[in-house]
Structures are given as structure tokens and as C-alpha cells.
Amino acid sequence: MPREGVVEKSPRGTELRRAEDKSLICVLESFDTYPSGPFEGETGATLWYGEQGMQPAPGHWHVEVVTDDSRDLTSDAV
């Protein structure tokens, strides 16, 4: 994942794009950040474009709340 990027709402869910050229990184299907955002424990499918550009790799996303006082900061969540 790049350090900076653009988050855009789309009919498929939420798209993450590179800041430099707005190229698509991944689509978080059914991930709705508007108006109230996702809830803890929510999950969904991900299409990861990365450097491939053509055929996306399938994956998943999972919402996990992490607070500043959390001791375990390890997660495989997107």
C-alpha cells in the first residue's frame, strides 16, 4: 500500500487510488464510509489490483477497532 492515496465512494463500495495518478489499487466491495461508516466486525470482499492493472486478486476486508491504548496492534485487517 502506498503511504498516501485517495479514497472514493463508488457503486461497488469504496475505491483506494494512488495519489499521483489516481490509478486503482483496490476495491473494498460493500464498504460504505458514508454517512455513518462501517461497524466493528463488518466484513466484505476485496479486489486487489496492486501493480497488476488488469486481473484483480480476490481478498477480504474486516473492520477492527484499534485504540491508542491497545496492547496488541497486530492485525491482518485492511
PDB file of N, CA and C in Angstrom:
ATOM      1  N   MET A   1       0.841  -1.169   0.000  1.00  0.00           N
ATOM      2  CA  MET A   1       0.000   0.000   0.000  1.00  0.00           C
ATOM      3  C   MET A   1       0.893   1.241   0.000  1.00  0.00           C
ATOM      4  N   PRO A   2       0.536   2.218  -0.823  1.00  0.00           N
ATOM      5  CA  PRO A   2       1.290   3.470  -0.800  1.00  0.00           C
ATOM      6  C   PRO A   2       1.016   4.239   0.483  1.00  0.00           C
ATOM      7  N   ARG A   3       1.909   5.121   0.817  1.00  0.00           N
ATOM      8  CA  ARG A   3       1.780   5.920   2.036  1.00  0.00           C
ATOM      9  C   ARG A   3       0.596   6.879   1.958  1.00  0.00           C
ATOM     10  N   GLU A   4       0.330   7.433   0.786  1.00  0.00           N
ATOM     11  CA  GLU A   4      -0.769   8.377   0.596  1.00  0.00           C
ATOM     12  C   GLU A   4      -1.639   7.910  -0.550  1.00  0.00           C
ATOM     13  N   GLY A   5      -2.890   8.330  -0.521  1.00  0.00           N
ATOM     14  CA  GLY A   5      -3.780   7.955  -1.600  1.00  0.00           C
ATOM     15  C   GLY A   5      -5.116   8.661  -1.498  1.00  0.00           C
ATOM     16  N   VAL A   6      -6.031   8.223  -2.350  1.00  0.00           N
ATOM     17  CA  VAL A   6      -7.348   8.829  -2.448  1.00  0.00           C
ATOM     18  C   VAL A   6      -8.391   7.747  -2.159  1.00  0.00           C
ATOM     19  N   VAL A   7      -9.371   8.100  -1.351  1.00  0.00           N
ATOM     20  CA  VAL A   7     -10.486   7.201  -1.057  1.00  0.00           C
ATOM     21  C   VAL A   7     -11.703   7.754  -1.780  1.00  0.00           C
ATOM     22  N   GLU A   8     -12.345   6.919  -2.616  1.00  0.00           N
ATOM     23  CA  GLU A   8     -13.507   7.367  -3.372  1.00  0.00           C
ATOM     24  C   GLU A   8     -14.656   6.384  -3.209  1.00  0.00           C
ATOM     25  N   LYS A   9     -15.851   6.926  -3.027  1.00  0.00           N
ATOM     26  CA  LYS A   9     -17.059   6.106  -2.996  1.00  0.00           C
ATOM     27  C   LYS A   9     -17.409   5.737  -4.428  1.00  0.00           C
ATOM     28  N   SER A  10     -17.804   4.490  -4.632  1.00  0.00           N
ATOM     29  CA  SER A  10     -18.207   4.038  -5.960  1.00  0.00           C
ATOM     30  C   SER A  10     -19.438   3.150  -5.819  1.00  0.00           C
ATOM     31  N   PRO A  11     -20.100   2.826  -6.913  1.00  0.00           N
ATOM     32  CA  PRO A  11     -21.256   1.930  -6.828  1.00  0.00           C
ATOM     33  C   PRO A  11     -20.902   0.557  -6.254  1.00  0.00           C
ATOM     34  N   ARG A  12     -19.639   0.141  -6.396  1.00  0.00           N
ATOM     35  CA  ARG A  12     -19.203  -1.164  -5.881  1.00  0.00           C
ATOM     36  C   ARG A  12     -18.867  -1.145  -4.399  1.00  0.00           C
ATOM     37  N   GLY A  13     -18.584   0.032  -3.861  1.00  0.00           N
ATOM     38  CA  GLY A  13     -18.173   0.155  -2.462  1.00  0.00           C
ATOM     39  C   GLY A  13     -17.240   1.335  -2.307  1.00  0.00           C
ATOM     40  N   THR A  14     -16.011   1.072  -1.888  1.00  0.00           N
ATOM     41  CA  THR A  14     -15.008   2.119  -1.701  1.00  0.00           C
ATOM     42  C   THR A  14     -13.762   1.759  -2.491  1.00  0.00           C
ATOM     43  N   GLU A  15     -13.246   2.723  -3.238  1.00  0.00           N
ATOM     44  CA  GLU A  15     -12.035   2.516  -4.039  1.00  0.00           C
ATOM     45  C   GLU A  15     -10.872   3.239  -3.392  1.00  0.00           C
ATOM     46  N   LEU A  16      -9.721   2.573  -3.329  1.00  0.00           N
ATOM     47  CA  LEU A  16      -8.473   3.190  -2.882  1.00  0.00           C
ATOM     48  C   LEU A  16      -7.634   3.408  -4.127  1.00  0.00           C
ATOM     49  N   ARG A  17      -7.162   4.663  -4.305  1.00  0.00           N
ATOM     50  CA  ARG A  17      -6.406   5.028  -5.504  1.00  0.00           C
ATOM     51  C   ARG A  17      -5.097   5.709  -5.120  1.00  0.00           C
ATOM     52  N   ARG A  18      -4.105   5.593  -5.992  1.00  0.00           N
ATOM     53  CA  ARG A  18      -2.815   6.260  -5.777  1.00  0.00           C
ATOM     54  C   ARG A  18      -3.002   7.777  -5.878  1.00  0.00           C
ATOM     55  N   ALA A  19      -2.280   8.508  -5.061  1.00  0.00           N
ATOM     56  CA  ALA A  19      -2.377   9.965  -5.060  1.00  0.00           C
ATOM     57  C   ALA A  19      -1.800  10.565  -6.342  1.00  0.00           C
ATOM     58  N   GLU A  20      -0.715   9.980  -6.863  1.00  0.00           N
ATOM     59  CA  GLU A  20      -0.007  10.566  -8.011  1.00  0.00           C
ATOM     60  C   GLU A  20      -0.846  10.570  -9.281  1.00  0.00           C
ATOM     61  N   ASP A  21      -1.418   9.420  -9.619  1.00  0.00           N
ATOM     62  CA  ASP A  21      -2.100   9.310 -10.913  1.00  0.00           C
ATOM     63  C   ASP A  21      -3.533   8.800 -10.794  1.00  0.00           C
ATOM     64  N   LYS A  22      -4.012   8.621  -9.568  1.00  0.00           N
ATOM     65  CA  LYS A  22      -5.371   8.135  -9.293  1.00  0.00           C
ATOM     66  C   LYS A  22      -5.630   6.722  -9.835  1.00  0.00           C
ATOM     67  N   SER A  23      -4.567   5.955 -10.109  1.00  0.00           N
ATOM     68  CA  SER A  23      -4.765   4.584 -10.573  1.00  0.00           C
ATOM     69  C   SER A  23      -5.333   3.737  -9.430  1.00  0.00           C
ATOM     70  N   LEU A  24      -6.149   2.771  -9.784  1.00  0.00           N
ATOM     71  CA  LEU A  24      -6.862   1.943  -8.824  1.00  0.00           C
ATOM     72  C   LEU A  24      -5.926   0.956  -8.136  1.00  0.00           C
ATOM     73  N   ILE A  25      -5.973   0.933  -6.807  1.00  0.00           N
ATOM     74  CA  ILE A  25      -5.199  -0.010  -6.004  1.00  0.00           C
ATOM     75  C   ILE A  25      -6.091  -1.190  -5.629  1.00  0.00           C
ATOM     76  N   CYS A  26      -7.242  -0.882  -5.036  1.00  0.00           N
ATOM     77  CA  CYS A  26      -8.168  -1.942  -4.665  1.00  0.00           C
ATOM     78  C   CYS A  26      -9.580  -1.406  -4.493  1.00  0.00           C
ATOM     79  N   VAL A  27     -10.529  -2.326  -4.526  1.00  0.00           N
ATOM     80  CA  VAL A  27     -11.935  -2.008  -4.292  1.00  0.00           C
ATOM     81  C   VAL A  27     -12.383  -2.806  -3.072  1.00  0.00           C
ATOM     82  N   LEU A  28     -12.902  -2.091  -2.083  1.00  0.00           N
ATOM     83  CA  LEU A  28     -13.469  -2.724  -0.902  1.00  0.00           C
ATOM     84  C   LEU A  28     -14.967  -2.813  -1.157  1.00  0.00           C
ATOM     85  N   GLU A  29     -15.417  -3.969  -1.631  1.00  0.00           N
ATOM     86  CA  GLU A  29     -16.812  -4.124  -2.020  1.00  0.00           C
ATOM     87  C   GLU A  29     -17.735  -3.994  -0.815  1.00  0.00           C
ATOM     88  N   SER A  30     -18.814  -3.237  -0.983  1.00  0.00           N
ATOM     89  CA  SER A  30     -19.835  -3.001   0.042  1.00  0.00           C
ATOM     90  C   SER A  30     -19.291  -2.293   1.282  1.00  0.00           C
ATOM     91  N   PHE A  31     -18.094  -1.727   1.205  1.00  0.00           N
ATOM     92  CA  PHE A  31     -17.521  -0.962   2.314  1.00  0.00           C
ATOM     93  C   PHE A  31     -18.026   0.466   2.164  1.00  0.00           C
ATOM     94  N   ASP A  32     -18.947   0.853   3.031  1.00  0.00           N
ATOM     95  CA  ASP A  32     -19.585   2.159   2.919  1.00  0.00           C
ATOM     96  C   ASP A  32     -19.091   3.078   4.025  1.00  0.00           C
ATOM     97  N   THR A  33     -18.344   4.093   3.645  1.00  0.00           N
ATOM     98  CA  THR A  33     -17.838   5.052   4.636  1.00  0.00           C
ATOM     99  C   THR A  33     -18.799   6.206   4.857  1.00  0.00           C
ATOM    100  N   TYR A  34     -19.866   6.257   4.098  1.00  0.00           N
ATOM    101  CA  TYR A  34     -20.833   7.353   4.183  1.00  0.00           C
ATOM    102  C   TYR A  34     -22.223   6.793   4.451  1.00  0.00           C
ATOM    103  N   PRO A  35     -23.092   7.358   5.228  1.00  0.00           N
ATOM    104  CA  PRO A  35     -22.870   8.529   6.062  1.00  0.00           C
ATOM    105  C   PRO A  35     -22.312   8.183   7.432  1.00  0.00           C
ATOM    106  N   SER A  36     -22.548   6.933   7.904  1.00  0.00           N
ATOM    107  CA  SER A  36     -22.149   6.619   9.279  1.00  0.00           C
ATOM    108  C   SER A  36     -20.918   5.736   9.381  1.00  0.00           C
ATOM    109  N   GLY A  37     -20.417   5.273   8.269  1.00  0.00           N
ATOM    110  CA  GLY A  37     -19.214   4.452   8.287  1.00  0.00           C
ATOM    111  C   GLY A  37     -19.487   3.005   8.605  1.00  0.00           C
ATOM    112  N   PRO A  38     -18.476   2.157   8.470  1.00  0.00           N
ATOM    113  CA  PRO A  38     -18.650   0.732   8.746  1.00  0.00           C
ATOM    114  C   PRO A  38     -18.704   0.479  10.250  1.00  0.00           C
ATOM    115  N   PHE A  39     -19.236  -0.670  10.639  1.00  0.00           N
ATOM    116  CA  PHE A  39     -19.295  -1.018  12.051  1.00  0.00           C
ATOM    117  C   PHE A  39     -18.255  -2.092  12.371  1.00  0.00           C
ATOM    118  N   GLU A  40     -17.864  -2.152  13.631  1.00  0.00           N
ATOM    119  CA  GLU A  40     -16.859  -3.126  14.054  1.00  0.00           C
ATOM    120  C   GLU A  40     -17.345  -4.544  13.773  1.00  0.00           C
ATOM    121  N   GLY A  41     -16.481  -5.354  13.181  1.00  0.00           N
ATOM    122  CA  GLY A  41     -16.804  -6.728  12.856  1.00  0.00           C
ATOM    123  C   GLY A  41     -17.347  -6.915  11.448  1.00  0.00           C
ATOM    124  N   GLU A  42     -17.665  -5.837  10.766  1.00  0.00           N
ATOM    125  CA  GLU A  42     -18.172  -5.939   9.397  1.00  0.00           C
ATOM    126  C   GLU A  42     -17.080  -6.485   8.477  1.00  0.00           C
ATOM    127  N   THR A  43     -17.465  -7.288   7.499  1.00  0.00           N
ATOM    128  CA  THR A  43     -16.513  -7.875   6.557  1.00  0.00           C
ATOM    129  C   THR A  43     -17.055  -7.783   5.135  1.00  0.00           C
ATOM    130  N   GLY A  44     -16.176  -7.975   4.172  1.00  0.00           N
ATOM    131  CA  GLY A  44     -16.598  -7.961   2.774  1.00  0.00           C
ATOM    132  C   GLY A  44     -15.475  -8.392   1.854  1.00  0.00           C
ATOM    133  N   ALA A  45     -15.812  -8.459   0.579  1.00  0.00           N
ATOM    134  CA  ALA A  45     -14.847  -8.880  -0.442  1.00  0.00           C
ATOM    135  C   ALA A  45     -13.975  -7.706  -0.877  1.00  0.00           C
ATOM    136  N   THR A  46     -12.748  -8.021  -1.277  1.00  0.00           N
ATOM    137  CA  THR A  46     -11.806  -7.024  -1.802  1.00  0.00           C
ATOM    138  C   THR A  46     -11.295  -7.498  -3.150  1.00  0.00           C
ATOM    139  N   LEU A  47     -11.154  -6.555  -4.069  1.00  0.00           N
ATOM    140  CA  LEU A  47     -10.489  -6.826  -5.341  1.00  0.00           C
ATOM    141  C   LEU A  47      -9.203  -6.008  -5.332  1.00  0.00           C
ATOM    142  N   TRP A  48      -8.060  -6.689  -5.297  1.00  0.00           N
ATOM    143  CA  TRP A  48      -6.750  -6.051  -5.195  1.00  0.00           C
ATOM    144  C   TRP A  48      -6.130  -5.956  -6.580  1.00  0.00           C
ATOM    145  N   TYR A  49      -5.942  -4.724  -7.060  1.00  0.00           N
ATOM    146  CA  TYR A  49      -5.333  -4.510  -8.365  1.00  0.00           C
ATOM    147  C   TYR A  49      -3.832  -4.346  -8.248  1.00  0.00           C
ATOM    148  N   GLY A  50      -3.361  -3.706  -7.189  1.00  0.00           N
ATOM    149  CA  GLY A  50      -1.936  -3.536  -6.950  1.00  0.00           C
ATOM    150  C   GLY A  50      -1.206  -3.079  -8.196  1.00  0.00           C
ATOM    151  N   GLU A  51      -0.163  -3.786  -8.561  1.00  0.00           N
ATOM    152  CA  GLU A  51       0.630  -3.464  -9.748  1.00  0.00           C
ATOM    153  C   GLU A  51       0.142  -4.204 -10.986  1.00  0.00           C
ATOM    154  N   GLN A  52      -0.841  -5.069 -10.824  1.00  0.00           N
ATOM    155  CA  GLN A  52      -1.298  -5.897 -11.926  1.00  0.00           C
ATOM    156  C   GLN A  52      -2.024  -5.103 -13.001  1.00  0.00           C
ATOM    157  N   GLY A  53      -2.932  -4.231 -12.569  1.00  0.00           N
ATOM    158  CA  GLY A  53      -3.639  -3.390 -13.509  1.00  0.00           C
ATOM    159  C   GLY A  53      -4.770  -4.053 -14.265  1.00  0.00           C
ATOM    160  N   MET A  54      -4.704  -5.344 -14.509  1.00  0.00           N
ATOM    161  CA  MET A  54      -5.724  -5.991 -15.324  1.00  0.00           C
ATOM    162  C   MET A  54      -6.633  -6.897 -14.493  1.00  0.00           C
ATOM    163  N   GLN A  55      -6.141  -8.029 -14.107  1.00  0.00           N
ATOM    164  CA  GLN A  55      -6.939  -9.015 -13.393  1.00  0.00           C
ATOM    165  C   GLN A  55      -6.723  -8.860 -11.889  1.00  0.00           C
ATOM    166  N   PRO A  56      -7.748  -8.474 -11.138  1.00  0.00           N
ATOM    167  CA  PRO A  56      -7.566  -8.277  -9.704  1.00  0.00           C
ATOM    168  C   PRO A  56      -7.473  -9.591  -8.942  1.00  0.00           C
ATOM    169  N   ALA A  57      -6.754  -9.548  -7.834  1.00  0.00           N
ATOM    170  CA  ALA A  57      -6.668 -10.700  -6.936  1.00  0.00           C
ATOM    171  C   ALA A  57      -7.769 -10.569  -5.885  1.00  0.00           C
ATOM    172  N   PRO A  58      -8.518 -11.631  -5.610  1.00  0.00           N
ATOM    173  CA  PRO A  58      -9.579 -11.545  -4.612  1.00  0.00           C
ATOM    174  C   PRO A  58      -9.019 -11.585  -3.198  1.00  0.00           C
ATOM    175  N   GLY A  59      -9.746 -10.981  -2.291  1.00  0.00           N
ATOM    176  CA  GLY A  59      -9.377 -10.978  -0.886  1.00  0.00           C
ATOM    177  C   GLY A  59     -10.575 -10.572  -0.052  1.00  0.00           C
ATOM    178  N   HIS A  60     -10.326 -10.129   1.171  1.00  0.00           N
ATOM    179  CA  HIS A  60     -11.419  -9.675   2.026  1.00  0.00           C
ATOM    180  C   HIS A  60     -10.953  -8.547   2.924  1.00  0.00           C
ATOM    181  N   TRP A  61     -11.911  -7.786   3.413  1.00  0.00           N
ATOM    182  CA  TRP A  61     -11.627  -6.744   4.393  1.00  0.00           C
ATOM    183  C   TRP A  61     -12.422  -7.050   5.659  1.00  0.00           C
ATOM    184  N   HIS A  62     -11.937  -6.504   6.768  1.00  0.00           N
ATOM    185  CA  HIS A  62     -12.558  -6.718   8.074  1.00  0.00           C
ATOM    186  C   HIS A  62     -12.338  -5.461   8.907  1.00  0.00           C
ATOM    187  N   VAL A  63     -13.398  -4.944   9.504  1.00  0.00           N
ATOM    188  CA  VAL A  63     -13.283  -3.741  10.348  1.00  0.00           C
ATOM    189  C   VAL A  63     -12.924  -4.168  11.756  1.00  0.00           C
ATOM    190  N   GLU A  64     -11.828  -3.598  12.246  1.00  0.00           N
ATOM    191  CA  GLU A  64     -11.363  -3.864  13.602  1.00  0.00           C
ATOM    192  C   GLU A  64     -11.037  -2.532  14.251  1.00  0.00           C
ATOM    193  N   VAL A  65     -11.602  -2.286  15.413  1.00  0.00           N
ATOM    194  CA  VAL A  65     -11.340  -1.041  16.122  1.00  0.00           C
ATOM    195  C   VAL A  65     -10.048  -1.189  16.912  1.00  0.00           C
ATOM    196  N   VAL A  66      -9.138  -0.238  16.728  1.00  0.00           N
ATOM    197  CA  VAL A  66      -7.879  -0.208  17.461  1.00  0.00           C
ATOM    198  C   VAL A  66      -7.797   1.147  18.149  1.00  0.00           C
ATOM    199  N   THR A  67      -7.595   1.134  19.447  1.00  0.00           N
ATOM    200  CA  THR A  67      -7.473   2.374  20.203  1.00  0.00           C
ATOM    201  C   THR A  67      -6.021   2.632  20.547  1.00  0.00           C
ATOM    202  N   ASP A  68      -5.730   3.844  20.953  1.00  0.00           N
ATOM    203  CA  ASP A  68      -4.362   4.217  21.306  1.00  0.00           C
ATOM    204  C   ASP A  68      -3.815   3.389  22.465  1.00  0.00           C
ATOM    205  N   ASP A  69      -4.699   2.921  23.336  1.00  0.00           N
ATOM    206  CA  ASP A  69      -4.224   2.163  24.490  1.00  0.00           C
ATOM    207  C   ASP A  69      -4.227   0.657  24.244  1.00  0.00           C
ATOM    208  N   SER A  70      -4.442   0.234  22.991  1.00  0.00           N
ATOM    209  CA  SER A  70      -4.425  -1.197  22.674  1.00  0.00           C
ATOM    210  C   SER A  70      -3.016  -1.755  22.836  1.00  0.00           C
ATOM    211  N   ARG A  71      -2.913  -2.922  23.427  1.00  0.00           N
ATOM    212  CA  ARG A  71      -1.609  -3.561  23.604  1.00  0.00           C
ATOM    213  C   ARG A  71      -1.253  -4.409  22.395  1.00  0.00           C
ATOM    214  N   ASP A  72      -2.244  -5.027  21.769  1.00  0.00           N
ATOM    215  CA  ASP A  72      -1.998  -5.882  20.612  1.00  0.00           C
ATOM    216  C   ASP A  72      -2.334  -5.111  19.346  1.00  0.00           C
ATOM    217  N   LEU A  73      -1.321  -4.655  18.645  1.00  0.00           N
ATOM    218  CA  LEU A  73      -1.526  -3.864  17.430  1.00  0.00           C
ATOM    219  C   LEU A  73      -1.331  -4.691  16.176  1.00  0.00           C
ATOM    220  N   THR A  74      -1.237  -6.003  16.311  1.00  0.00           N
ATOM    221  CA  THR A  74      -1.082  -6.846  15.131  1.00  0.00           C
ATOM    222  C   THR A  74      -2.457  -7.136  14.552  1.00  0.00           C
ATOM    223  N   SER A  75      -2.562  -7.053  13.239  1.00  0.00           N
ATOM    224  CA  SER A  75      -3.824  -7.308  12.573  1.00  0.00           C
ATOM    225  C   SER A  75      -3.578  -7.623  11.114  1.00  0.00           C
ATOM    226  N   ASP A  76      -4.433  -8.440  10.546  1.00  0.00           N
ATOM    227  CA  ASP A  76      -4.366  -8.687   9.105  1.00  0.00           C
ATOM    228  C   ASP A  76      -5.467  -7.920   8.401  1.00  0.00           C
ATOM    229  N   ALA A  77      -6.120  -7.000   9.116  1.00  0.00           N
ATOM    230  CA  ALA A  77      -7.194  -6.199   8.527  1.00  0.00           C
ATOM    231  C   ALA A  77      -6.647  -5.166   7.580  1.00  0.00           C
ATOM    232  N   VAL A  78      -7.438  -4.827   6.572  1.00  0.00           N
ATOM    233  CA  VAL A  78      -7.069  -3.800   5.602  1.00  0.00           C
ATOM    234  C   VAL A  78      -7.304  -2.457   6.215  1.00  0.00           C
TER     235      VAL A  78
END
